[in-house]
Amino acid sequence: MNVINCRSKLIASAVIALLGCVFAVSVSAVTLKEIKKRGYIRVAIANEIPYGFMNGKGEAEGAGPVVARAVLKEMGIDNVQWVVTQFGSLIPGLKANRFDMVAAEMAIRPARCKQVIYSEPNTSYGEGLLVPEGNPGNVHSYSDFKTGDKKVAIMAGADQLDMLQKLGVPSSNMVTINSNADAISTVSTGRAAAYAATGLTASNLASKSDKVQVAEPFTDPVIDGKEVRSWGGFTFNKSSTAFRNAFDKKLVAFKKTAAWKKILSEYGFPQADIEGSFKKTTKQLCSGK
């Protein structure tokens, strides 16, 4: 192969690669105009009660979906196609353009803010432990798993992994499960002494079986001198800033209504959690402040 042909092929390859990148960016972004023209929006949830789940009738419920539906309606979007996926697939799915936004009340964390963009917080919530009936392991905090051989279960992709690691819990004491649906059997059969999740999630799971309960009392984890509290928001592809901004404007207005407070209350959020959602901004949370 002569030098000219080789150079020509290299240039052609570079142009094709550049066009491929441009195309990838263009298809990953979504705009309000595009969604209205399409006639529907794709919104993902992770089947986690009370944040976002499908009921027995195949309808999306939870603090995320119900608030999202109300906000989207204000934006002129009535047709929502719900996508159910595992929690750990939410961010990869957004980045791969498998859906347009996530309504799973995913906690706003600096590491996630590097991959996706968030709305302002919609909810606030603390931590908890699901344990076997009677709590035979006598566990009352995440730090109880730092020593010994008791196992604590966590959901793949959830924030509890980072919390446990920062508290010094060894990986050998952690058991990973794919979804909340596996938590009751994992704990009741002794595969793990407890399941680490938000307090709302643990309480909801405990209500489904007499084989498990919520660990009481429970000591909230303290990391870097601060008691752990999470703020959940709606999540968008990084290229969809304009659409996120339009959604955010309507969300902020909706949070000033009694209808918004009623939705959160109906899904078990106490007054402290409802008021707590206003205590941090997404900018602060993404910066780690």
C-alpha atoms as a PDB file:
ATOM      1  CA  MET A   1       0.000   0.000   0.000  1.00  0.00           C
ATOM      2  CA  ASN A   2       1.507   3.366  -0.972  1.00  0.00           C
ATOM      3  CA  VAL A   3       1.710   6.344   1.387  1.00  0.00           C
ATOM      4  CA  ILE A   4      -1.035   8.359  -0.388  1.00  0.00           C
ATOM      5  CA  ASN A   5      -3.567   5.521  -0.210  1.00  0.00           C
ATOM      6  CA  CYS A   6      -2.721   4.866   3.408  1.00  0.00           C
ATOM      7  CA  ARG A   7      -3.124   8.555   4.289  1.00  0.00           C
ATOM      8  CA  SER A   8      -6.442   8.727   2.427  1.00  0.00           C
ATOM      9  CA  LYS A   9      -7.796   5.734   4.295  1.00  0.00           C
ATOM     10  CA  LEU A  10      -6.680   7.186   7.613  1.00  0.00           C
ATOM     11  CA  ILE A  11      -8.422  10.494   6.843  1.00  0.00           C
ATOM     12  CA  ALA A  12     -11.578   8.670   5.756  1.00  0.00           C
ATOM     13  CA  SER A  13     -11.561   6.616   8.954  1.00  0.00           C
ATOM     14  CA  ALA A  14     -11.146   9.736  11.066  1.00  0.00           C
ATOM     15  CA  VAL A  15     -14.079  11.445   9.295  1.00  0.00           C
ATOM     16  CA  ILE A  16     -16.297   8.388   9.807  1.00  0.00           C
ATOM     17  CA  ALA A  17     -15.349   8.236  13.497  1.00  0.00           C
ATOM     18  CA  LEU A  18     -16.074  11.955  13.906  1.00  0.00           C
ATOM     19  CA  LEU A  19     -19.456  11.614  12.214  1.00  0.00           C
ATOM     20  CA  GLY A  20     -20.189   8.648  14.462  1.00  0.00           C
ATOM     21  CA  CYS A  21     -19.531  10.740  17.559  1.00  0.00           C
ATOM     22  CA  VAL A  22     -21.710  13.584  16.283  1.00  0.00           C
ATOM     23  CA  PHE A  23     -24.499  11.139  15.523  1.00  0.00           C
ATOM     24  CA  ALA A  24     -24.190   9.547  18.975  1.00  0.00           C
ATOM     25  CA  VAL A  25     -24.555  12.937  20.640  1.00  0.00           C
ATOM     26  CA  SER A  26     -27.532  13.926  18.507  1.00  0.00           C
ATOM     27  CA  VAL A  27     -29.517  10.775  19.216  1.00  0.00           C
ATOM     28  CA  SER A  28     -28.858  10.834  22.962  1.00  0.00           C
ATOM     29  CA  ALA A  29     -30.271  14.333  23.481  1.00  0.00           C
ATOM     30  CA  VAL A  30     -34.019  14.757  23.868  1.00  0.00           C
ATOM     31  CA  THR A  31     -36.020  17.975  23.665  1.00  0.00           C
ATOM     32  CA  LEU A  32     -39.553  18.920  24.638  1.00  0.00           C
ATOM     33  CA  LYS A  33     -40.338  19.624  20.988  1.00  0.00           C
ATOM     34  CA  GLU A  34     -39.052  16.199  19.961  1.00  0.00           C
ATOM     35  CA  ILE A  35     -41.104  14.419  22.634  1.00  0.00           C
ATOM     36  CA  LYS A  36     -44.287  16.260  21.674  1.00  0.00           C
ATOM     37  CA  LYS A  37     -43.707  15.432  18.018  1.00  0.00           C
ATOM     38  CA  ARG A  38     -43.061  11.786  18.911  1.00  0.00           C
ATOM     39  CA  GLY A  39     -46.215  11.716  21.013  1.00  0.00           C
ATOM     40  CA  TYR A  40     -44.815  10.014  24.131  1.00  0.00           C
ATOM     41  CA  ILE A  41     -41.971  10.017  26.635  1.00  0.00           C
ATOM     42  CA  ARG A  42     -40.068   6.986  27.961  1.00  0.00           C
ATOM     43  CA  VAL A  43     -39.593   7.077  31.732  1.00  0.00           C
ATOM     44  CA  ALA A  44     -37.688   4.415  33.693  1.00  0.00           C
ATOM     45  CA  ILE A  45     -38.300   3.103  37.211  1.00  0.00           C
ATOM     46  CA  ALA A  46     -36.654   0.329  39.241  1.00  0.00           C
ATOM     47  CA  ASN A  47     -39.713  -1.303  40.853  1.00  0.00           C
ATOM     48  CA  GLU A  48     -38.796  -0.031  44.315  1.00  0.00           C
ATOM     49  CA  ILE A  49     -41.655   0.818  46.664  1.00  0.00           C
ATOM     50  CA  PRO A  50     -42.440   3.622  47.556  1.00  0.00           C
ATOM     51  CA  TYR A  51     -40.144   5.452  45.111  1.00  0.00           C
ATOM     52  CA  GLY A  52     -41.250   4.062  41.761  1.00  0.00           C
ATOM     53  CA  PHE A  53     -42.997   0.764  40.970  1.00  0.00           C
ATOM     54  CA  MET A  54     -45.648  -0.957  38.857  1.00  0.00           C
ATOM     55  CA  ASN A  55     -48.841  -2.035  40.605  1.00  0.00           C
ATOM     56  CA  GLY A  56     -50.872  -5.168  39.887  1.00  0.00           C
ATOM     57  CA  LYS A  57     -52.770  -3.365  37.124  1.00  0.00           C
ATOM     58  CA  GLY A  58     -49.571  -2.478  35.295  1.00  0.00           C
ATOM     59  CA  GLU A  59     -49.761   1.183  36.331  1.00  0.00           C
ATOM     60  CA  ALA A  60     -46.783   3.182  37.550  1.00  0.00           C
ATOM     61  CA  GLU A  61     -47.027   4.360  41.149  1.00  0.00           C
ATOM     62  CA  GLY A  62     -44.740   5.870  43.769  1.00  0.00           C
ATOM     63  CA  ALA A  63     -43.386   9.290  44.680  1.00  0.00           C
ATOM     64  CA  GLY A  64     -41.333   9.477  41.482  1.00  0.00           C
ATOM     65  CA  PRO A  65     -43.864   8.390  38.831  1.00  0.00           C
ATOM     66  CA  VAL A  66     -46.866  10.231  40.272  1.00  0.00           C
ATOM     67  CA  VAL A  67     -44.977  13.522  40.622  1.00  0.00           C
ATOM     68  CA  ALA A  68     -43.372  13.022  37.195  1.00  0.00           C
ATOM     69  CA  ARG A  69     -46.775  12.404  35.627  1.00  0.00           C
ATOM     70  CA  ALA A  70     -48.162  15.624  37.143  1.00  0.00           C
ATOM     71  CA  VAL A  71     -45.156  17.705  36.054  1.00  0.00           C
ATOM     72  CA  LEU A  72     -45.100  16.247  32.543  1.00  0.00           C
ATOM     73  CA  LYS A  73     -48.805  17.000  32.168  1.00  0.00           C
ATOM     74  CA  GLU A  74     -48.044  20.642  32.983  1.00  0.00           C
ATOM     75  CA  MET A  75     -45.498  20.496  30.144  1.00  0.00           C
ATOM     76  CA  GLY A  76     -48.121  19.193  27.732  1.00  0.00           C
ATOM     77  CA  ILE A  77     -47.003  15.549  27.819  1.00  0.00           C
ATOM     78  CA  ASP A  78     -49.770  13.059  28.612  1.00  0.00           C
ATOM     79  CA  ASN A  79     -48.497   9.817  27.095  1.00  0.00           C
ATOM     80  CA  VAL A  80     -45.866   8.171  29.330  1.00  0.00           C
ATOM     81  CA  GLN A  81     -44.308   4.827  28.416  1.00  0.00           C
ATOM     82  CA  TRP A  82     -42.918   3.299  31.601  1.00  0.00           C
ATOM     83  CA  VAL A  83     -39.768   1.187  31.439  1.00  0.00           C
ATOM     84  CA  VAL A  84     -38.980  -1.150  34.353  1.00  0.00           C
ATOM     85  CA  THR A  85     -35.330  -2.062  34.830  1.00  0.00           C
ATOM     86  CA  GLN A  86     -32.907  -2.999  37.597  1.00  0.00           C
ATOM     87  CA  PHE A  87     -31.610  -0.114  39.688  1.00  0.00           C
ATOM     88  CA  GLY A  88     -28.049  -0.676  38.486  1.00  0.00           C
ATOM     89  CA  SER A  89     -29.200  -0.312  34.865  1.00  0.00           C
ATOM     90  CA  LEU A  90     -30.824   3.116  35.258  1.00  0.00           C
ATOM     91  CA  ILE A  91     -27.769   5.264  34.509  1.00  0.00           C
ATOM     92  CA  PRO A  92     -26.389   2.968  31.776  1.00  0.00           C
ATOM     93  CA  GLY A  93     -29.863   2.949  30.207  1.00  0.00           C
ATOM     94  CA  LEU A  94     -30.017   6.740  30.165  1.00  0.00           C
ATOM     95  CA  LYS A  95     -26.566   6.969  28.624  1.00  0.00           C
ATOM     96  CA  ALA A  96     -27.552   4.393  25.989  1.00  0.00           C
ATOM     97  CA  ASN A  97     -30.759   6.326  25.176  1.00  0.00           C
ATOM     98  CA  ARG A  98     -33.060   3.451  26.143  1.00  0.00           C
ATOM     99  CA  PHE A  99     -35.314   5.954  27.923  1.00  0.00           C
ATOM    100  CA  ASP A 100     -35.607   9.739  28.200  1.00  0.00           C
ATOM    101  CA  MET A 101     -35.607  10.202  31.972  1.00  0.00           C
ATOM    102  CA  VAL A 102     -35.637   8.268  35.248  1.00  0.00           C
ATOM    103  CA  ALA A 103     -38.304   8.648  37.957  1.00  0.00           C
ATOM    104  CA  ALA A 104     -36.830   6.280  40.567  1.00  0.00           C
ATOM    105  CA  GLU A 105     -35.932   8.937  43.163  1.00  0.00           C
ATOM    106  CA  MET A 106     -32.275   8.071  42.632  1.00  0.00           C
ATOM    107  CA  ALA A 107     -30.128   9.787  45.250  1.00  0.00           C
ATOM    108  CA  ILE A 108     -28.172  12.787  43.985  1.00  0.00           C
ATOM    109  CA  ARG A 109     -24.475  11.930  44.424  1.00  0.00           C
ATOM    110  CA  PRO A 110     -21.326  13.648  43.061  1.00  0.00           C
ATOM    111  CA  ALA A 111     -20.181  10.460  41.286  1.00  0.00           C
ATOM    112  CA  ARG A 112     -23.534  10.139  39.519  1.00  0.00           C
ATOM    113  CA  CYS A 113     -23.571  13.831  38.612  1.00  0.00           C
ATOM    114  CA  LYS A 114     -20.496  13.144  36.473  1.00  0.00           C
ATOM    115  CA  GLN A 115     -22.533  10.726  34.363  1.00  0.00           C
ATOM    116  CA  VAL A 116     -26.053  12.192  34.273  1.00  0.00           C
ATOM    117  CA  ILE A 117     -27.892  15.406  35.163  1.00  0.00           C
ATOM    118  CA  TYR A 118     -30.535  15.783  37.859  1.00  0.00           C
ATOM    119  CA  SER A 119     -33.605  17.851  38.533  1.00  0.00           C
ATOM    120  CA  GLU A 120     -33.854  19.687  41.834  1.00  0.00           C
ATOM    121  CA  PRO A 121     -34.584  17.272  44.733  1.00  0.00           C
ATOM    122  CA  ASN A 122     -38.070  15.791  44.855  1.00  0.00           C
ATOM    123  CA  THR A 123     -37.655  13.773  48.052  1.00  0.00           C
ATOM    124  CA  SER A 124     -35.451  13.308  51.090  1.00  0.00           C
ATOM    125  CA  TYR A 125     -35.001  10.103  53.089  1.00  0.00           C
ATOM    126  CA  GLY A 126     -32.862   8.390  55.732  1.00  0.00           C
ATOM    127  CA  GLU A 127     -31.427   4.875  56.137  1.00  0.00           C
ATOM    128  CA  GLY A 128     -32.557   1.597  57.756  1.00  0.00           C
ATOM    129  CA  LEU A 129     -31.997  -2.153  58.107  1.00  0.00           C
ATOM    130  CA  LEU A 130     -34.316  -5.063  57.313  1.00  0.00           C
ATOM    131  CA  VAL A 131     -33.591  -7.998  59.653  1.00  0.00           C
ATOM    132  CA  PRO A 132     -35.086 -11.437  60.410  1.00  0.00           C
ATOM    133  CA  GLU A 133     -37.976 -11.531  62.882  1.00  0.00           C
ATOM    134  CA  GLY A 134     -36.567 -11.016  66.366  1.00  0.00           C
ATOM    135  CA  ASN A 135     -33.298  -9.590  64.963  1.00  0.00           C
ATOM    136  CA  PRO A 136     -31.178 -12.613  66.033  1.00  0.00           C
ATOM    137  CA  GLY A 137     -28.009 -10.902  64.816  1.00  0.00           C
ATOM    138  CA  ASN A 138     -28.702  -7.967  67.159  1.00  0.00           C
ATOM    139  CA  VAL A 139     -27.697  -5.456  64.480  1.00  0.00           C
ATOM    140  CA  HIS A 140     -28.759  -1.814  64.782  1.00  0.00           C
ATOM    141  CA  SER A 141     -26.403   0.102  62.507  1.00  0.00           C
ATOM    142  CA  TYR A 142     -24.324  -0.283  59.357  1.00  0.00           C
ATOM    143  CA  SER A 143     -21.184  -0.150  61.524  1.00  0.00           C
ATOM    144  CA  ASP A 144     -22.193  -3.424  63.184  1.00  0.00           C
ATOM    145  CA  PHE A 145     -20.797  -5.196  60.110  1.00  0.00           C
ATOM    146  CA  LYS A 146     -17.285  -3.736  60.385  1.00  0.00           C
ATOM    147  CA  THR A 147     -16.049  -6.679  62.430  1.00  0.00           C
ATOM    148  CA  GLY A 148     -17.001 -10.327  62.759  1.00  0.00           C
ATOM    149  CA  ASP A 149     -18.524 -12.392  59.978  1.00  0.00           C
ATOM    150  CA  LYS A 150     -22.126 -11.167  59.888  1.00  0.00           C
ATOM    151  CA  LYS A 151     -23.247 -10.440  56.329  1.00  0.00           C
ATOM    152  CA  VAL A 152     -25.218  -7.409  55.172  1.00  0.00           C
ATOM    153  CA  ALA A 153     -27.071  -7.472  51.858  1.00  0.00           C
ATOM    154  CA  ILE A 154     -27.114  -4.502  49.466  1.00  0.00           C
ATOM    155  CA  MET A 155     -28.785  -3.935  46.111  1.00  0.00           C
ATOM    156  CA  ALA A 156     -26.539  -3.721  43.054  1.00  0.00           C
ATOM    157  CA  GLY A 157     -25.900  -0.100  42.130  1.00  0.00           C
ATOM    158  CA  ALA A 158     -27.404   1.314  45.335  1.00  0.00           C
ATOM    159  CA  ASP A 159     -25.814   3.989  47.559  1.00  0.00           C
ATOM    160  CA  GLN A 160     -25.434   1.660  50.532  1.00  0.00           C
ATOM    161  CA  LEU A 161     -22.297   0.112  49.003  1.00  0.00           C
ATOM    162  CA  ASP A 162     -20.472   3.441  49.160  1.00  0.00           C
ATOM    163  CA  MET A 163     -21.735   4.084  52.695  1.00  0.00           C
ATOM    164  CA  LEU A 164     -20.598   0.693  53.963  1.00  0.00           C
ATOM    165  CA  GLN A 165     -17.198   1.057  52.319  1.00  0.00           C
ATOM    166  CA  LYS A 166     -16.660   4.481  53.908  1.00  0.00           C
ATOM    167  CA  LEU A 167     -17.630   3.032  57.282  1.00  0.00           C
ATOM    168  CA  GLY A 168     -14.955   0.365  56.878  1.00  0.00           C
ATOM    169  CA  VAL A 169     -17.181  -2.674  56.295  1.00  0.00           C
ATOM    170  CA  PRO A 170     -15.109  -5.299  54.416  1.00  0.00           C
ATOM    171  CA  SER A 171     -16.405  -6.567  51.078  1.00  0.00           C
ATOM    172  CA  SER A 172     -16.345 -10.102  52.495  1.00  0.00           C
ATOM    173  CA  ASN A 173     -19.201  -9.061  54.790  1.00  0.00           C
ATOM    174  CA  MET A 174     -21.384  -7.829  51.915  1.00  0.00           C
ATOM    175  CA  VAL A 175     -23.872  -9.805  49.831  1.00  0.00           C
ATOM    176  CA  THR A 176     -25.128  -8.233  46.589  1.00  0.00           C
ATOM    177  CA  ILE A 177     -28.694  -8.840  45.387  1.00  0.00           C
ATOM    178  CA  ASN A 178     -30.273  -7.680  42.134  1.00  0.00           C
ATOM    179  CA  SER A 179     -33.463  -6.119  43.472  1.00  0.00           C
ATOM    180  CA  ASN A 180     -35.555  -5.404  46.554  1.00  0.00           C
ATOM    181  CA  ALA A 181     -37.688  -8.390  45.625  1.00  0.00           C
ATOM    182  CA  ASP A 182     -34.800 -10.638  46.729  1.00  0.00           C
ATOM    183  CA  ALA A 183     -34.307  -8.938  50.107  1.00  0.00           C
ATOM    184  CA  ILE A 184     -36.912 -10.792  52.182  1.00  0.00           C
ATOM    185  CA  SER A 185     -35.693 -14.260  51.183  1.00  0.00           C
ATOM    186  CA  THR A 186     -32.032 -13.226  51.520  1.00  0.00           C
ATOM    187  CA  VAL A 187     -32.592 -12.086  55.109  1.00  0.00           C
ATOM    188  CA  SER A 188     -35.167 -14.649  56.269  1.00  0.00           C
ATOM    189  CA  THR A 189     -33.082 -17.616  55.060  1.00  0.00           C
ATOM    190  CA  GLY A 190     -29.962 -16.387  56.833  1.00  0.00           C
ATOM    191  CA  ARG A 191     -27.943 -15.608  53.728  1.00  0.00           C
ATOM    192  CA  ALA A 192     -27.477 -12.182  55.304  1.00  0.00           C
ATOM    193  CA  ALA A 193     -28.134 -10.881  58.810  1.00  0.00           C
ATOM    194  CA  ALA A 194     -29.707  -7.735  57.402  1.00  0.00           C
ATOM    195  CA  TYR A 195     -30.505  -5.793  54.250  1.00  0.00           C
ATOM    196  CA  ALA A 196     -29.242  -2.203  54.112  1.00  0.00           C
ATOM    197  CA  ALA A 197     -31.665   0.176  52.409  1.00  0.00           C
ATOM    198  CA  THR A 198     -33.481   3.425  52.975  1.00  0.00           C
ATOM    199  CA  GLY A 199     -35.764   3.473  55.993  1.00  0.00           C
ATOM    200  CA  LEU A 200     -38.843   3.693  53.753  1.00  0.00           C
ATOM    201  CA  THR A 201     -37.775   0.684  51.696  1.00  0.00           C
ATOM    202  CA  ALA A 202     -36.989  -1.417  54.781  1.00  0.00           C
ATOM    203  CA  SER A 203     -40.329  -0.514  56.366  1.00  0.00           C
ATOM    204  CA  ASN A 204     -42.257  -1.393  53.220  1.00  0.00           C
ATOM    205  CA  LEU A 205     -40.523  -4.763  52.866  1.00  0.00           C
ATOM    206  CA  ALA A 206     -41.179  -5.559  56.531  1.00  0.00           C
ATOM    207  CA  SER A 207     -44.909  -5.025  55.949  1.00  0.00           C
ATOM    208  CA  LYS A 208     -44.940  -7.793  53.345  1.00  0.00           C
ATOM    209  CA  SER A 209     -43.744 -10.700  55.504  1.00  0.00           C
ATOM    210  CA  ASP A 210     -43.887 -11.759  59.158  1.00  0.00           C
ATOM    211  CA  LYS A 211     -40.475 -13.359  58.699  1.00  0.00           C
ATOM    212  CA  VAL A 212     -38.705  -9.985  58.715  1.00  0.00           C
ATOM    213  CA  GLN A 213     -38.845  -6.663  60.547  1.00  0.00           C
ATOM    214  CA  VAL A 214     -37.133  -3.289  60.665  1.00  0.00           C
ATOM    215  CA  ALA A 215     -34.158  -3.059  63.029  1.00  0.00           C
ATOM    216  CA  GLU A 216     -35.210  -0.925  65.975  1.00  0.00           C
ATOM    217  CA  PRO A 217     -33.618   1.102  67.333  1.00  0.00           C
ATOM    218  CA  PHE A 218     -31.511   2.076  64.333  1.00  0.00           C
ATOM    219  CA  THR A 219     -28.522   4.418  64.431  1.00  0.00           C
ATOM    220  CA  ASP A 220     -28.109   6.465  61.259  1.00  0.00           C
ATOM    221  CA  PRO A 221     -24.647   6.194  59.701  1.00  0.00           C
ATOM    222  CA  VAL A 222     -22.291   9.116  60.248  1.00  0.00           C
ATOM    223  CA  ILE A 223     -19.796   9.612  57.437  1.00  0.00           C
ATOM    224  CA  ASP A 224     -17.176  12.373  57.357  1.00  0.00           C
ATOM    225  CA  GLY A 225     -18.769  13.780  60.496  1.00  0.00           C
ATOM    226  CA  LYS A 226     -22.225  14.100  58.931  1.00  0.00           C
ATOM    227  CA  GLU A 227     -25.357  12.059  59.520  1.00  0.00           C
ATOM    228  CA  VAL A 228     -26.326  10.400  56.248  1.00  0.00           C
ATOM    229  CA  ARG A 229     -29.444  11.660  54.496  1.00  0.00           C
ATOM    230  CA  SER A 230     -30.256  11.263  50.812  1.00  0.00           C
ATOM    231  CA  TRP A 231     -32.043  13.526  48.366  1.00  0.00           C
ATOM    232  CA  GLY A 232     -33.760  11.905  45.411  1.00  0.00           C
ATOM    233  CA  GLY A 233     -34.366  13.561  42.066  1.00  0.00           C
ATOM    234  CA  PHE A 234     -35.323  12.916  38.463  1.00  0.00           C
ATOM    235  CA  THR A 235     -32.460  11.956  36.181  1.00  0.00           C
ATOM    236  CA  PHE A 236     -31.683  12.859  32.564  1.00  0.00           C
ATOM    237  CA  ASN A 237     -29.055  12.224  29.905  1.00  0.00           C
ATOM    238  CA  LYS A 238     -26.258  14.830  30.061  1.00  0.00           C
ATOM    239  CA  SER A 239     -27.170  15.980  26.544  1.00  0.00           C
ATOM    240  CA  SER A 240     -30.767  16.752  27.546  1.00  0.00           C
ATOM    241  CA  THR A 241     -30.068  19.919  29.542  1.00  0.00           C
ATOM    242  CA  ALA A 242     -32.792  22.012  27.881  1.00  0.00           C
ATOM    243  CA  PHE A 243     -35.436  19.390  28.586  1.00  0.00           C
ATOM    244  CA  ARG A 244     -34.211  18.965  32.186  1.00  0.00           C
ATOM    245  CA  ASN A 245     -34.413  22.739  32.675  1.00  0.00           C
ATOM    246  CA  ALA A 246     -37.983  22.837  31.353  1.00  0.00           C
ATOM    247  CA  PHE A 247     -38.958  19.961  33.658  1.00  0.00           C
ATOM    248  CA  ASP A 248     -37.185  21.575  36.614  1.00  0.00           C
ATOM    249  CA  LYS A 249     -39.107  24.823  36.223  1.00  0.00           C
ATOM    250  CA  LYS A 250     -42.436  22.998  36.480  1.00  0.00           C
ATOM    251  CA  LEU A 251     -41.197  20.737  39.314  1.00  0.00           C
ATOM    252  CA  VAL A 252     -40.129  23.679  41.483  1.00  0.00           C
ATOM    253  CA  ALA A 253     -43.569  25.233  41.002  1.00  0.00           C
ATOM    254  CA  PHE A 254     -45.371  21.948  41.722  1.00  0.00           C
ATOM    255  CA  LYS A 255     -43.471  21.503  44.996  1.00  0.00           C
ATOM    256  CA  LYS A 256     -45.177  24.650  46.293  1.00  0.00           C
ATOM    257  CA  THR A 257     -48.615  23.011  46.024  1.00  0.00           C
ATOM    258  CA  ALA A 258     -50.627  20.943  48.486  1.00  0.00           C
ATOM    259  CA  ALA A 259     -50.963  18.283  45.768  1.00  0.00           C
ATOM    260  CA  TRP A 260     -47.221  17.578  45.879  1.00  0.00           C
ATOM    261  CA  LYS A 261     -47.209  17.209  49.678  1.00  0.00           C
ATOM    262  CA  LYS A 262     -50.221  14.913  49.490  1.00  0.00           C
ATOM    263  CA  ILE A 263     -48.468  12.596  47.012  1.00  0.00           C
ATOM    264  CA  LEU A 264     -45.428  12.180  49.236  1.00  0.00           C
ATOM    265  CA  SER A 265     -47.552  11.695  52.348  1.00  0.00           C
ATOM    266  CA  GLU A 266     -49.629   9.000  50.651  1.00  0.00           C
ATOM    267  CA  TYR A 267     -46.449   7.038  49.883  1.00  0.00           C
ATOM    268  CA  GLY A 268     -45.241   7.119  53.481  1.00  0.00           C
ATOM    269  CA  PHE A 269     -42.893  10.103  53.569  1.00  0.00           C
ATOM    270  CA  PRO A 270     -43.086  11.704  57.034  1.00  0.00           C
ATOM    271  CA  GLN A 271     -43.243  15.477  57.431  1.00  0.00           C
ATOM    272  CA  ALA A 272     -39.539  15.615  58.294  1.00  0.00           C
ATOM    273  CA  ASP A 273     -38.631  13.997  54.972  1.00  0.00           C
ATOM    274  CA  ILE A 274     -41.003  16.265  53.028  1.00  0.00           C
ATOM    275  CA  GLU A 275     -39.545  19.392  54.609  1.00  0.00           C
ATOM    276  CA  GLY A 276     -36.046  17.962  54.254  1.00  0.00           C
ATOM    277  CA  SER A 277     -36.315  17.927  50.463  1.00  0.00           C
ATOM    278  CA  PHE A 278     -35.954  21.734  50.489  1.00  0.00           C
ATOM    279  CA  LYS A 279     -32.772  21.780  52.579  1.00  0.00           C
ATOM    280  CA  LYS A 280     -30.331  21.036  49.753  1.00  0.00           C
ATOM    281  CA  THR A 281     -30.048  22.063  46.103  1.00  0.00           C
ATOM    282  CA  THR A 282     -28.841  19.802  43.325  1.00  0.00           C
ATOM    283  CA  LYS A 283     -25.819  22.083  42.849  1.00  0.00           C
ATOM    284  CA  GLN A 284     -24.837  21.573  46.482  1.00  0.00           C
ATOM    285  CA  LEU A 285     -25.392  17.821  46.349  1.00  0.00           C
ATOM    286  CA  CYS A 286     -23.431  17.374  43.128  1.00  0.00           C
ATOM    287  CA  SER A 287     -20.522  19.309  44.631  1.00  0.00           C
ATOM    288  CA  GLY A 288     -20.587  17.123  47.724  1.00  0.00           C
ATOM    289  CA  LYS A 289     -21.434  20.028  50.068  1.00  0.00           C
END
